[in-house]
Every structure is written in C-alpha cells, then in structure tokens.
Amino acid sequence: MPARLVILASGAGSTLQAFLDAAASGDLPAEIAAVGSDRPDSAALQRATAAGVPTFALPVQPGADRALWNASLAEAIAAHEPDLVVLAGFMRVLGPALVRRFRIVNVHPSLLPSFPGAHAIRDALAHGVRITGVTVHWVDEGLDSGPIIAQAAVEIAADDTEDTLRARIQDVEKPLYLTTIRSLAKELR
C-alpha cells in the first residue's frame, strides 16, 4: 500500500505541482491524500482541486487563538490518515502538539543551520556568503531546527538579487525535495 501524504501549502503551489505531477505519473510511490492551506484562495488549493485531490483550508483569523488553530489543523490533517505531512511553501509555524503528533518534513531555502526563518535568501545576501542552498529537514518544535535529511548547495553570483537567487534555489529545491520524499515514501510502505 502506498504511503499517504498530506501536503500543506500557502501560496502558488509550484512545489506542490511537482508532487502532483510525480504522483500522477507513478514517479512518486505515494498517494497524495489531501492538500491543506491557511489561505482558502491559494493557487495551491486550485492546483490540488484540478488534480482531483481533496483539499481543506484553515485561515488564521487576526487575534485568533493559535493553539486552537493548531488543534483544528491537526484534526484536519488526521482526518486524511497521513503517513507523512509535507510542507511545500506552508508559511505558518506549527505548534508543539501538532509537530509531535505527525511526521512532518519541510524544505528550507538555505543550508541550515545557517539562515533559518522566513527571510533566508535575503539574510544570505545581506551576510555576503558565497554559497547557500536548500535543506530538507524533519520539523521539530524549533524554527527550522529539526534533523537534516538532505541538502544541496547553490552558489551566489556577485550580481544576484533576492529574485534571481530564489529562482535558482527553487530549481534545485524541487528535484531534491521530490527525491527525498520519494525515498521516505518507499521506507514507509
């Protein structure tokens, strides 16, 4: 029986699309059981719907109780009985109880432990490093601090901007993430 994945995404869903395409072609030995988002209008949810994958959305309301939101998200995830939760551009920090409940994998645009957080690309450029990259890691209760599963380096060019560097990182990120999730899914079967 294939591993069951729940993928969480907040934005355009380009990484999600790589997973949807790989699952459809048989290149990913897993079933994408559902796609969730914190943004009901996200393109990621539209991509999942177009692929026939169940979706759910749990927006964070201003001033909302974050523990309650995390508990609701955990229940929405659990309803799909995942073997693995895959974060694909999900821009929310997950609460401790949720993180302890599921096996969760994230991809981050730096060579962790360098430059954790939401501005990793900007931070790498500001620090003048010559190499950054991509890290696939287990999610723990810290911010981008979980055990590293895979990494790939990306050189920073002298004329790089945040946008040009992000594009090159994403070119490396998608195949690395897909390869890593493919390996994890095989182990879970």
N, C-alpha and C. Protein backbone atom coordinates (compact mmCIF):
# COMPACT_ATOMS: atom_id res chain seq x y z
N MET A 1 0.85 -1.18 0.00
CA MET A 1 0.00 0.00 0.00
C MET A 1 0.90 1.24 0.00
N PRO A 2 0.62 2.21 -0.86
CA PRO A 2 1.49 3.39 -0.92
C PRO A 2 1.35 4.26 0.33
N ALA A 3 2.42 4.97 0.63
CA ALA A 3 2.40 5.92 1.74
C ALA A 3 1.39 7.01 1.44
N ARG A 4 0.74 7.50 2.49
CA ARG A 4 -0.25 8.57 2.35
C ARG A 4 0.38 9.88 2.78
N LEU A 5 0.30 10.88 1.89
CA LEU A 5 0.85 12.20 2.16
C LEU A 5 -0.26 13.23 2.29
N VAL A 6 -0.11 14.11 3.26
CA VAL A 6 -0.89 15.34 3.31
C VAL A 6 0.11 16.46 3.07
N ILE A 7 -0.15 17.27 2.07
CA ILE A 7 0.75 18.36 1.72
C ILE A 7 0.09 19.67 2.14
N LEU A 8 0.86 20.52 2.84
CA LEU A 8 0.39 21.83 3.25
C LEU A 8 1.14 22.89 2.46
N ALA A 9 0.40 23.84 1.89
CA ALA A 9 0.99 24.90 1.07
C ALA A 9 0.21 26.19 1.28
N SER A 10 0.90 27.32 1.20
CA SER A 10 0.25 28.62 1.40
C SER A 10 0.11 29.44 0.14
N GLY A 11 0.93 29.19 -0.86
CA GLY A 11 1.00 30.12 -1.99
C GLY A 11 0.63 29.55 -3.33
N ALA A 12 1.51 29.79 -4.30
CA ALA A 12 1.25 29.45 -5.69
C ALA A 12 1.20 27.94 -5.94
N GLY A 13 1.90 27.18 -5.13
CA GLY A 13 1.84 25.73 -5.26
C GLY A 13 2.73 25.14 -6.33
N SER A 14 3.81 25.82 -6.69
CA SER A 14 4.69 25.25 -7.73
C SER A 14 5.39 23.99 -7.23
N THR A 15 5.78 23.94 -5.97
CA THR A 15 6.37 22.72 -5.42
C THR A 15 5.31 21.64 -5.31
N LEU A 16 4.13 22.01 -4.86
CA LEU A 16 3.02 21.06 -4.83
C LEU A 16 2.79 20.46 -6.20
N GLN A 17 2.84 21.29 -7.25
CA GLN A 17 2.60 20.79 -8.60
C GLN A 17 3.61 19.72 -8.99
N ALA A 18 4.85 19.88 -8.56
CA ALA A 18 5.87 18.85 -8.83
C ALA A 18 5.46 17.53 -8.19
N PHE A 19 4.91 17.57 -6.97
CA PHE A 19 4.45 16.35 -6.31
C PHE A 19 3.21 15.78 -7.00
N LEU A 20 2.27 16.63 -7.38
CA LEU A 20 1.07 16.17 -8.08
C LEU A 20 1.45 15.48 -9.40
N ASP A 21 2.36 16.08 -10.15
CA ASP A 21 2.79 15.51 -11.43
C ASP A 21 3.49 14.17 -11.21
N ALA A 22 4.37 14.12 -10.21
CA ALA A 22 5.10 12.87 -9.94
C ALA A 22 4.14 11.77 -9.49
N ALA A 23 3.15 12.11 -8.67
CA ALA A 23 2.19 11.11 -8.23
C ALA A 23 1.35 10.61 -9.40
N ALA A 24 0.93 11.52 -10.27
CA ALA A 24 0.11 11.15 -11.42
C ALA A 24 0.87 10.25 -12.39
N SER A 25 2.17 10.47 -12.53
CA SER A 25 2.97 9.69 -13.47
C SER A 25 3.47 8.37 -12.88
N GLY A 26 3.25 8.18 -11.58
CA GLY A 26 3.76 6.97 -10.93
C GLY A 26 5.19 7.10 -10.45
N ASP A 27 5.76 8.31 -10.61
CA ASP A 27 7.15 8.55 -10.21
C ASP A 27 7.28 8.78 -8.70
N LEU A 28 6.17 8.94 -8.02
CA LEU A 28 6.17 9.12 -6.57
C LEU A 28 5.37 7.97 -5.98
N PRO A 29 6.02 7.07 -5.24
CA PRO A 29 5.32 5.90 -4.71
C PRO A 29 4.49 6.26 -3.47
N ALA A 30 3.57 7.18 -3.66
CA ALA A 30 2.74 7.66 -2.56
C ALA A 30 1.42 8.17 -3.11
N GLU A 31 0.44 8.22 -2.22
CA GLU A 31 -0.84 8.80 -2.55
C GLU A 31 -0.92 10.16 -1.88
N ILE A 32 -1.24 11.18 -2.63
CA ILE A 32 -1.48 12.49 -2.02
C ILE A 32 -2.92 12.46 -1.54
N ALA A 33 -3.07 12.24 -0.24
CA ALA A 33 -4.39 12.05 0.35
C ALA A 33 -5.17 13.35 0.44
N ALA A 34 -4.46 14.46 0.63
CA ALA A 34 -5.12 15.77 0.72
C ALA A 34 -4.08 16.87 0.65
N VAL A 35 -4.56 18.07 0.30
CA VAL A 35 -3.75 19.28 0.33
C VAL A 35 -4.48 20.29 1.19
N GLY A 36 -3.74 20.86 2.15
CA GLY A 36 -4.33 21.86 3.03
C GLY A 36 -3.61 23.18 2.92
N SER A 37 -4.32 24.24 3.29
CA SER A 37 -3.72 25.57 3.24
C SER A 37 -4.29 26.45 4.34
N ASP A 38 -3.54 27.48 4.68
CA ASP A 38 -4.04 28.51 5.59
C ASP A 38 -4.69 29.64 4.80
N ARG A 39 -4.69 29.53 3.48
CA ARG A 39 -5.26 30.56 2.60
C ARG A 39 -6.29 29.91 1.67
N PRO A 40 -7.58 30.10 1.94
CA PRO A 40 -8.61 29.47 1.13
C PRO A 40 -8.55 29.81 -0.35
N ASP A 41 -7.95 30.95 -0.69
CA ASP A 41 -7.86 31.37 -2.09
C ASP A 41 -6.52 31.04 -2.73
N SER A 42 -5.73 30.20 -2.09
CA SER A 42 -4.39 29.92 -2.62
C SER A 42 -4.45 29.16 -3.94
N ALA A 43 -3.51 29.45 -4.79
CA ALA A 43 -3.39 28.73 -6.06
C ALA A 43 -3.06 27.26 -5.80
N ALA A 44 -2.40 26.97 -4.68
CA ALA A 44 -2.09 25.58 -4.34
C ALA A 44 -3.37 24.75 -4.24
N LEU A 45 -4.38 25.29 -3.58
CA LEU A 45 -5.65 24.56 -3.46
C LEU A 45 -6.31 24.38 -4.82
N GLN A 46 -6.19 25.39 -5.68
CA GLN A 46 -6.75 25.28 -7.03
C GLN A 46 -6.04 24.18 -7.82
N ARG A 47 -4.73 24.10 -7.65
CA ARG A 47 -3.97 23.05 -8.35
C ARG A 47 -4.40 21.66 -7.86
N ALA A 48 -4.56 21.52 -6.55
CA ALA A 48 -4.98 20.23 -5.99
C ALA A 48 -6.37 19.85 -6.48
N THR A 49 -7.28 20.80 -6.47
CA THR A 49 -8.64 20.55 -6.94
C THR A 49 -8.63 20.11 -8.40
N ALA A 50 -7.83 20.79 -9.21
CA ALA A 50 -7.73 20.43 -10.63
C ALA A 50 -7.19 19.01 -10.81
N ALA A 51 -6.38 18.56 -9.87
CA ALA A 51 -5.80 17.21 -9.94
C ALA A 51 -6.71 16.17 -9.29
N GLY A 52 -7.85 16.62 -8.75
CA GLY A 52 -8.78 15.68 -8.13
C GLY A 52 -8.39 15.26 -6.72
N VAL A 53 -7.54 16.05 -6.06
CA VAL A 53 -7.08 15.75 -4.71
C VAL A 53 -7.94 16.52 -3.72
N PRO A 54 -8.42 15.86 -2.67
CA PRO A 54 -9.21 16.57 -1.65
C PRO A 54 -8.42 17.71 -1.02
N THR A 55 -9.12 18.78 -0.66
CA THR A 55 -8.47 19.95 -0.06
C THR A 55 -9.19 20.38 1.21
N PHE A 56 -8.47 21.14 2.01
CA PHE A 56 -9.07 21.81 3.17
C PHE A 56 -8.31 23.10 3.41
N ALA A 57 -9.01 24.07 3.99
CA ALA A 57 -8.39 25.37 4.28
C ALA A 57 -8.78 25.80 5.69
N LEU A 58 -7.78 26.27 6.41
CA LEU A 58 -7.98 26.78 7.77
C LEU A 58 -7.27 28.11 7.89
N PRO A 59 -7.94 29.20 7.55
CA PRO A 59 -7.30 30.52 7.66
C PRO A 59 -7.07 30.89 9.13
N VAL A 60 -6.03 31.66 9.35
CA VAL A 60 -5.75 32.19 10.69
C VAL A 60 -6.40 33.56 10.77
N GLN A 61 -7.36 33.70 11.65
CA GLN A 61 -8.05 34.97 11.82
C GLN A 61 -7.21 35.90 12.69
N PRO A 62 -7.21 37.21 12.41
CA PRO A 62 -6.48 38.15 13.26
C PRO A 62 -6.94 38.03 14.71
N GLY A 63 -5.98 37.91 15.61
CA GLY A 63 -6.28 37.81 17.03
C GLY A 63 -6.75 36.43 17.47
N ALA A 64 -6.74 35.46 16.54
CA ALA A 64 -7.23 34.12 16.86
C ALA A 64 -6.29 33.41 17.84
N ASP A 65 -6.84 32.48 18.56
CA ASP A 65 -6.09 31.63 19.48
C ASP A 65 -5.26 30.64 18.65
N ARG A 66 -3.94 30.80 18.67
CA ARG A 66 -3.07 29.96 17.83
C ARG A 66 -3.11 28.50 18.24
N ALA A 67 -3.23 28.23 19.53
CA ALA A 67 -3.30 26.84 19.99
C ALA A 67 -4.57 26.17 19.43
N LEU A 68 -5.67 26.91 19.42
CA LEU A 68 -6.92 26.37 18.88
C LEU A 68 -6.78 26.14 17.38
N TRP A 69 -6.16 27.08 16.67
CA TRP A 69 -5.95 26.92 15.23
C TRP A 69 -5.09 25.68 14.96
N ASN A 70 -4.01 25.51 15.72
CA ASN A 70 -3.15 24.34 15.54
C ASN A 70 -3.91 23.04 15.82
N ALA A 71 -4.77 23.04 16.83
CA ALA A 71 -5.57 21.85 17.14
C ALA A 71 -6.54 21.54 15.99
N SER A 72 -7.14 22.58 15.43
CA SER A 72 -8.04 22.39 14.28
C SER A 72 -7.28 21.87 13.07
N LEU A 73 -6.10 22.41 12.84
CA LEU A 73 -5.27 21.93 11.73
C LEU A 73 -4.89 20.48 11.94
N ALA A 74 -4.52 20.12 13.15
CA ALA A 74 -4.15 18.73 13.45
C ALA A 74 -5.32 17.79 13.14
N GLU A 75 -6.52 18.19 13.50
CA GLU A 75 -7.68 17.33 13.23
C GLU A 75 -7.95 17.23 11.74
N ALA A 76 -7.80 18.33 11.02
CA ALA A 76 -8.00 18.31 9.56
C ALA A 76 -6.97 17.39 8.89
N ILE A 77 -5.74 17.44 9.35
CA ILE A 77 -4.70 16.56 8.82
C ILE A 77 -5.02 15.11 9.16
N ALA A 78 -5.33 14.85 10.43
CA ALA A 78 -5.58 13.49 10.90
C ALA A 78 -6.73 12.82 10.16
N ALA A 79 -7.71 13.61 9.73
CA ALA A 79 -8.86 13.05 9.00
C ALA A 79 -8.43 12.31 7.73
N HIS A 80 -7.25 12.62 7.23
CA HIS A 80 -6.76 12.00 5.99
C HIS A 80 -5.73 10.90 6.26
N GLU A 81 -5.50 10.58 7.52
CA GLU A 81 -4.64 9.47 7.95
C GLU A 81 -3.29 9.44 7.24
N PRO A 82 -2.52 10.53 7.35
CA PRO A 82 -1.24 10.55 6.64
C PRO A 82 -0.15 9.73 7.32
N ASP A 83 0.72 9.19 6.49
CA ASP A 83 1.95 8.61 6.99
C ASP A 83 3.00 9.70 7.14
N LEU A 84 2.85 10.76 6.34
CA LEU A 84 3.82 11.84 6.31
C LEU A 84 3.10 13.14 5.93
N VAL A 85 3.46 14.22 6.61
CA VAL A 85 2.96 15.56 6.26
C VAL A 85 4.13 16.29 5.60
N VAL A 86 3.87 16.85 4.43
CA VAL A 86 4.90 17.51 3.64
C VAL A 86 4.56 18.99 3.56
N LEU A 87 5.45 19.84 4.03
CA LEU A 87 5.26 21.29 3.93
C LEU A 87 5.88 21.76 2.61
N ALA A 88 5.06 22.38 1.78
CA ALA A 88 5.51 22.84 0.46
C ALA A 88 5.18 24.32 0.34
N GLY A 89 5.98 25.15 1.00
CA GLY A 89 5.71 26.58 1.00
C GLY A 89 4.60 26.93 1.96
N PHE A 90 4.48 26.18 3.04
CA PHE A 90 3.48 26.49 4.07
C PHE A 90 4.12 27.48 5.01
N MET A 91 3.58 28.69 5.08
CA MET A 91 4.24 29.80 5.76
C MET A 91 3.72 30.06 7.18
N ARG A 92 3.40 29.00 7.89
CA ARG A 92 2.97 29.12 9.28
C ARG A 92 3.86 28.25 10.15
N VAL A 93 4.16 28.76 11.34
CA VAL A 93 4.90 27.96 12.31
C VAL A 93 3.89 27.05 13.00
N LEU A 94 4.20 25.76 13.02
CA LEU A 94 3.30 24.79 13.61
C LEU A 94 3.54 24.65 15.10
N GLY A 95 2.47 24.46 15.86
CA GLY A 95 2.56 24.35 17.31
C GLY A 95 3.16 23.03 17.76
N PRO A 96 3.67 22.99 18.98
CA PRO A 96 4.36 21.81 19.50
C PRO A 96 3.51 20.53 19.49
N ALA A 97 2.26 20.61 19.89
CA ALA A 97 1.42 19.40 19.93
C ALA A 97 1.22 18.83 18.53
N LEU A 98 1.03 19.69 17.54
CA LEU A 98 0.85 19.24 16.17
C LEU A 98 2.15 18.60 15.66
N VAL A 99 3.27 19.22 15.94
CA VAL A 99 4.57 18.71 15.49
C VAL A 99 4.85 17.33 16.10
N ARG A 100 4.47 17.15 17.34
CA ARG A 100 4.70 15.85 18.00
C ARG A 100 3.76 14.77 17.48
N ARG A 101 2.62 15.16 16.95
CA ARG A 101 1.60 14.20 16.52
C ARG A 101 1.91 13.53 15.18
N PHE A 102 2.58 14.24 14.29
CA PHE A 102 2.81 13.74 12.93
C PHE A 102 4.29 13.74 12.57
N ARG A 103 4.64 12.92 11.58
CA ARG A 103 5.97 13.00 10.97
C ARG A 103 5.85 14.07 9.89
N ILE A 104 6.61 15.16 10.04
CA ILE A 104 6.48 16.32 9.16
C ILE A 104 7.84 16.66 8.56
N VAL A 105 7.84 16.91 7.26
CA VAL A 105 9.06 17.27 6.54
C VAL A 105 8.87 18.65 5.92
N ASN A 106 9.94 19.44 5.94
CA ASN A 106 9.92 20.78 5.36
C ASN A 106 11.13 20.95 4.44
N VAL A 107 11.03 21.89 3.54
CA VAL A 107 12.17 22.29 2.72
C VAL A 107 12.41 23.77 3.01
N HIS A 108 13.70 24.12 3.12
CA HIS A 108 14.06 25.49 3.50
C HIS A 108 15.14 26.01 2.55
N PRO A 109 15.05 27.29 2.14
CA PRO A 109 15.98 27.84 1.15
C PRO A 109 17.30 28.35 1.73
N SER A 110 17.99 27.50 2.47
CA SER A 110 19.35 27.80 2.92
C SER A 110 19.99 26.48 3.34
N LEU A 111 21.27 26.54 3.61
CA LEU A 111 21.97 25.38 4.16
C LEU A 111 21.89 25.50 5.68
N LEU A 112 20.80 24.96 6.22
CA LEU A 112 20.64 25.01 7.67
C LEU A 112 21.82 24.32 8.35
N PRO A 113 22.27 24.78 9.49
CA PRO A 113 21.56 25.69 10.39
C PRO A 113 21.74 27.18 10.06
N SER A 114 22.41 27.51 8.98
CA SER A 114 22.55 28.92 8.60
C SER A 114 21.23 29.46 8.06
N PHE A 115 20.89 30.66 8.46
CA PHE A 115 19.76 31.43 7.94
C PHE A 115 18.39 30.74 8.06
N PRO A 116 18.01 30.38 9.28
CA PRO A 116 16.64 29.88 9.48
C PRO A 116 15.64 31.03 9.36
N GLY A 117 14.38 30.69 9.27
CA GLY A 117 13.34 31.71 9.26
C GLY A 117 12.86 32.09 7.88
N ALA A 118 11.93 33.03 7.84
CA ALA A 118 11.21 33.38 6.62
C ALA A 118 12.03 34.19 5.62
N HIS A 119 13.18 34.75 6.02
CA HIS A 119 13.95 35.62 5.13
C HIS A 119 15.33 35.06 4.83
N ALA A 120 15.42 33.76 4.65
CA ALA A 120 16.71 33.09 4.48
C ALA A 120 17.49 33.61 3.27
N ILE A 121 16.83 33.85 2.17
CA ILE A 121 17.52 34.30 0.96
C ILE A 121 18.04 35.71 1.16
N ARG A 122 17.20 36.59 1.67
CA ARG A 122 17.61 37.96 1.96
C ARG A 122 18.77 37.97 2.96
N ASP A 123 18.68 37.13 3.98
CA ASP A 123 19.72 37.08 5.01
C ASP A 123 21.05 36.60 4.43
N ALA A 124 21.01 35.60 3.56
CA ALA A 124 22.25 35.10 2.94
C ALA A 124 22.91 36.19 2.11
N LEU A 125 22.11 36.92 1.33
CA LEU A 125 22.67 38.02 0.53
C LEU A 125 23.24 39.12 1.42
N ALA A 126 22.53 39.46 2.48
CA ALA A 126 22.99 40.52 3.38
C ALA A 126 24.29 40.15 4.09
N HIS A 127 24.48 38.87 4.35
CA HIS A 127 25.70 38.44 5.04
C HIS A 127 26.88 38.24 4.08
N GLY A 128 26.62 38.31 2.78
CA GLY A 128 27.70 38.21 1.81
C GLY A 128 28.29 36.82 1.64
N VAL A 129 27.55 35.78 2.01
CA VAL A 129 28.07 34.43 1.81
C VAL A 129 28.11 34.12 0.32
N ARG A 130 28.97 33.22 -0.05
CA ARG A 130 29.13 32.87 -1.47
C ARG A 130 28.36 31.62 -1.87
N ILE A 131 27.96 30.86 -0.85
CA ILE A 131 27.20 29.65 -1.10
C ILE A 131 26.03 29.59 -0.13
N THR A 132 24.88 29.27 -0.66
CA THR A 132 23.69 28.98 0.16
C THR A 132 23.15 27.67 -0.37
N GLY A 133 21.88 27.44 -0.27
CA GLY A 133 21.36 26.20 -0.81
C GLY A 133 19.98 25.87 -0.33
N VAL A 134 19.73 24.57 -0.24
CA VAL A 134 18.43 24.03 0.11
C VAL A 134 18.63 22.94 1.15
N THR A 135 17.74 22.91 2.14
CA THR A 135 17.77 21.86 3.15
C THR A 135 16.39 21.24 3.27
N VAL A 136 16.34 19.92 3.22
CA VAL A 136 15.13 19.18 3.56
C VAL A 136 15.36 18.66 4.98
N HIS A 137 14.39 18.93 5.87
CA HIS A 137 14.59 18.55 7.27
C HIS A 137 13.29 18.11 7.92
N TRP A 138 13.43 17.33 8.98
CA TRP A 138 12.29 16.98 9.82
C TRP A 138 11.88 18.22 10.59
N VAL A 139 10.61 18.39 10.79
CA VAL A 139 10.11 19.52 11.56
C VAL A 139 10.06 19.12 13.03
N ASP A 140 10.65 19.96 13.85
CA ASP A 140 10.57 19.77 15.30
C ASP A 140 9.93 21.02 15.90
N GLU A 141 10.05 21.18 17.19
CA GLU A 141 9.37 22.30 17.86
C GLU A 141 10.09 23.63 17.69
N GLY A 142 11.29 23.64 17.13
CA GLY A 142 12.02 24.88 16.90
C GLY A 142 11.74 25.43 15.51
N LEU A 143 12.37 26.54 15.20
CA LEU A 143 12.22 27.17 13.89
C LEU A 143 13.33 26.69 12.97
N ASP A 144 12.98 25.85 12.00
CA ASP A 144 13.95 25.30 11.04
C ASP A 144 15.13 24.65 11.74
N SER A 145 14.83 23.92 12.83
CA SER A 145 15.90 23.35 13.64
C SER A 145 15.89 21.83 13.69
N GLY A 146 14.99 21.19 12.96
CA GLY A 146 14.89 19.74 13.01
C GLY A 146 16.04 19.05 12.30
N PRO A 147 16.18 17.74 12.52
CA PRO A 147 17.26 16.98 11.90
C PRO A 147 17.25 17.10 10.37
N ILE A 148 18.43 17.28 9.83
CA ILE A 148 18.60 17.45 8.38
C ILE A 148 18.53 16.09 7.70
N ILE A 149 17.75 16.03 6.62
CA ILE A 149 17.62 14.82 5.82
C ILE A 149 18.48 14.90 4.57
N ALA A 150 18.45 16.06 3.88
CA ALA A 150 19.20 16.23 2.63
C ALA A 150 19.51 17.71 2.43
N GLN A 151 20.62 17.98 1.75
CA GLN A 151 21.00 19.35 1.42
C GLN A 151 21.63 19.39 0.03
N ALA A 152 21.53 20.56 -0.60
CA ALA A 152 22.21 20.81 -1.87
C ALA A 152 22.65 22.27 -1.88
N ALA A 153 23.84 22.50 -2.37
CA ALA A 153 24.42 23.85 -2.39
C ALA A 153 24.03 24.61 -3.66
N VAL A 154 23.94 25.93 -3.52
CA VAL A 154 23.70 26.83 -4.64
C VAL A 154 24.67 27.99 -4.48
N GLU A 155 25.48 28.24 -5.51
CA GLU A 155 26.41 29.37 -5.46
C GLU A 155 25.67 30.68 -5.61
N ILE A 156 26.17 31.69 -4.92
CA ILE A 156 25.59 33.03 -5.04
C ILE A 156 26.48 33.84 -5.98
N ALA A 157 25.87 34.36 -7.04
CA ALA A 157 26.60 35.18 -8.01
C ALA A 157 26.73 36.61 -7.47
N ALA A 158 27.76 37.30 -7.92
CA ALA A 158 28.01 38.67 -7.46
C ALA A 158 26.84 39.61 -7.76
N ASP A 159 26.11 39.34 -8.84
CA ASP A 159 25.00 40.22 -9.23
C ASP A 159 23.63 39.67 -8.83
N ASP A 160 23.60 38.66 -7.98
CA ASP A 160 22.33 38.09 -7.58
C ASP A 160 21.47 39.09 -6.81
N THR A 161 20.19 39.03 -7.09
CA THR A 161 19.18 39.73 -6.30
C THR A 161 18.39 38.64 -5.56
N GLU A 162 17.51 39.07 -4.69
CA GLU A 162 16.68 38.08 -4.00
C GLU A 162 15.89 37.23 -5.00
N ASP A 163 15.38 37.87 -6.04
CA ASP A 163 14.57 37.15 -7.02
C ASP A 163 15.39 36.18 -7.86
N THR A 164 16.57 36.60 -8.32
CA THR A 164 17.37 35.69 -9.15
C THR A 164 17.89 34.52 -8.33
N LEU A 165 18.29 34.79 -7.09
CA LEU A 165 18.78 33.71 -6.24
C LEU A 165 17.63 32.77 -5.88
N ARG A 166 16.46 33.30 -5.57
CA ARG A 166 15.29 32.46 -5.25
C ARG A 166 14.98 31.52 -6.41
N ALA A 167 15.03 32.04 -7.64
CA ALA A 167 14.73 31.21 -8.81
C ALA A 167 15.72 30.05 -8.93
N ARG A 168 16.99 30.33 -8.71
CA ARG A 168 18.00 29.27 -8.81
C ARG A 168 17.86 28.26 -7.67
N ILE A 169 17.54 28.76 -6.49
CA ILE A 169 17.31 27.85 -5.36
C ILE A 169 16.11 26.95 -5.64
N GLN A 170 15.04 27.52 -6.18
CA GLN A 170 13.86 26.71 -6.48
C GLN A 170 14.14 25.66 -7.55
N ASP A 171 15.04 25.96 -8.48
CA ASP A 171 15.42 24.98 -9.49
C ASP A 171 16.08 23.76 -8.86
N VAL A 172 16.79 23.97 -7.76
CA VAL A 172 17.46 22.89 -7.04
C VAL A 172 16.49 22.25 -6.04
N GLU A 173 15.65 23.08 -5.44
CA GLU A 173 14.75 22.64 -4.37
C GLU A 173 13.78 21.55 -4.81
N LYS A 174 13.08 21.76 -5.90
CA LYS A 174 12.04 20.82 -6.30
C LYS A 174 12.57 19.41 -6.54
N PRO A 175 13.62 19.23 -7.33
CA PRO A 175 14.09 17.85 -7.51
C PRO A 175 14.66 17.23 -6.22
N LEU A 176 15.33 18.03 -5.40
CA LEU A 176 15.86 17.50 -4.14
C LEU A 176 14.72 17.07 -3.22
N TYR A 177 13.71 17.90 -3.12
CA TYR A 177 12.57 17.60 -2.24
C TYR A 177 11.83 16.36 -2.74
N LEU A 178 11.59 16.31 -4.03
CA LEU A 178 10.87 15.17 -4.61
C LEU A 178 11.67 13.88 -4.40
N THR A 179 12.96 13.91 -4.64
CA THR A 179 13.80 12.73 -4.44
C THR A 179 13.77 12.28 -2.98
N THR A 180 13.83 13.25 -2.07
CA THR A 180 13.82 12.93 -0.64
C THR A 180 12.48 12.34 -0.22
N ILE A 181 11.38 12.93 -0.65
CA ILE A 181 10.06 12.41 -0.29
C ILE A 181 9.83 11.05 -0.94
N ARG A 182 10.31 10.87 -2.14
CA ARG A 182 10.21 9.56 -2.80
C ARG A 182 10.89 8.49 -1.96
N SER A 183 12.09 8.79 -1.46
CA SER A 183 12.83 7.83 -0.62
C SER A 183 12.09 7.56 0.69
N LEU A 184 11.59 8.62 1.32
CA LEU A 184 10.85 8.44 2.57
C LEU A 184 9.58 7.63 2.34
N ALA A 185 8.88 7.89 1.24
CA ALA A 185 7.64 7.16 0.94
C ALA A 185 7.93 5.68 0.74
N LYS A 186 9.03 5.33 0.09
CA LYS A 186 9.40 3.93 -0.08
C LYS A 186 9.66 3.26 1.26
N GLU A 187 10.30 3.99 2.17
CA GLU A 187 10.57 3.44 3.51
C GLU A 187 9.28 3.21 4.29
N LEU A 188 8.27 4.02 4.04
CA LEU A 188 7.01 3.95 4.79
C LEU A 188 6.07 2.85 4.27
N ARG A 189 6.36 2.31 3.10
CA ARG A 189 5.47 1.29 2.50
C ARG A 189 5.56 -0.02 3.21
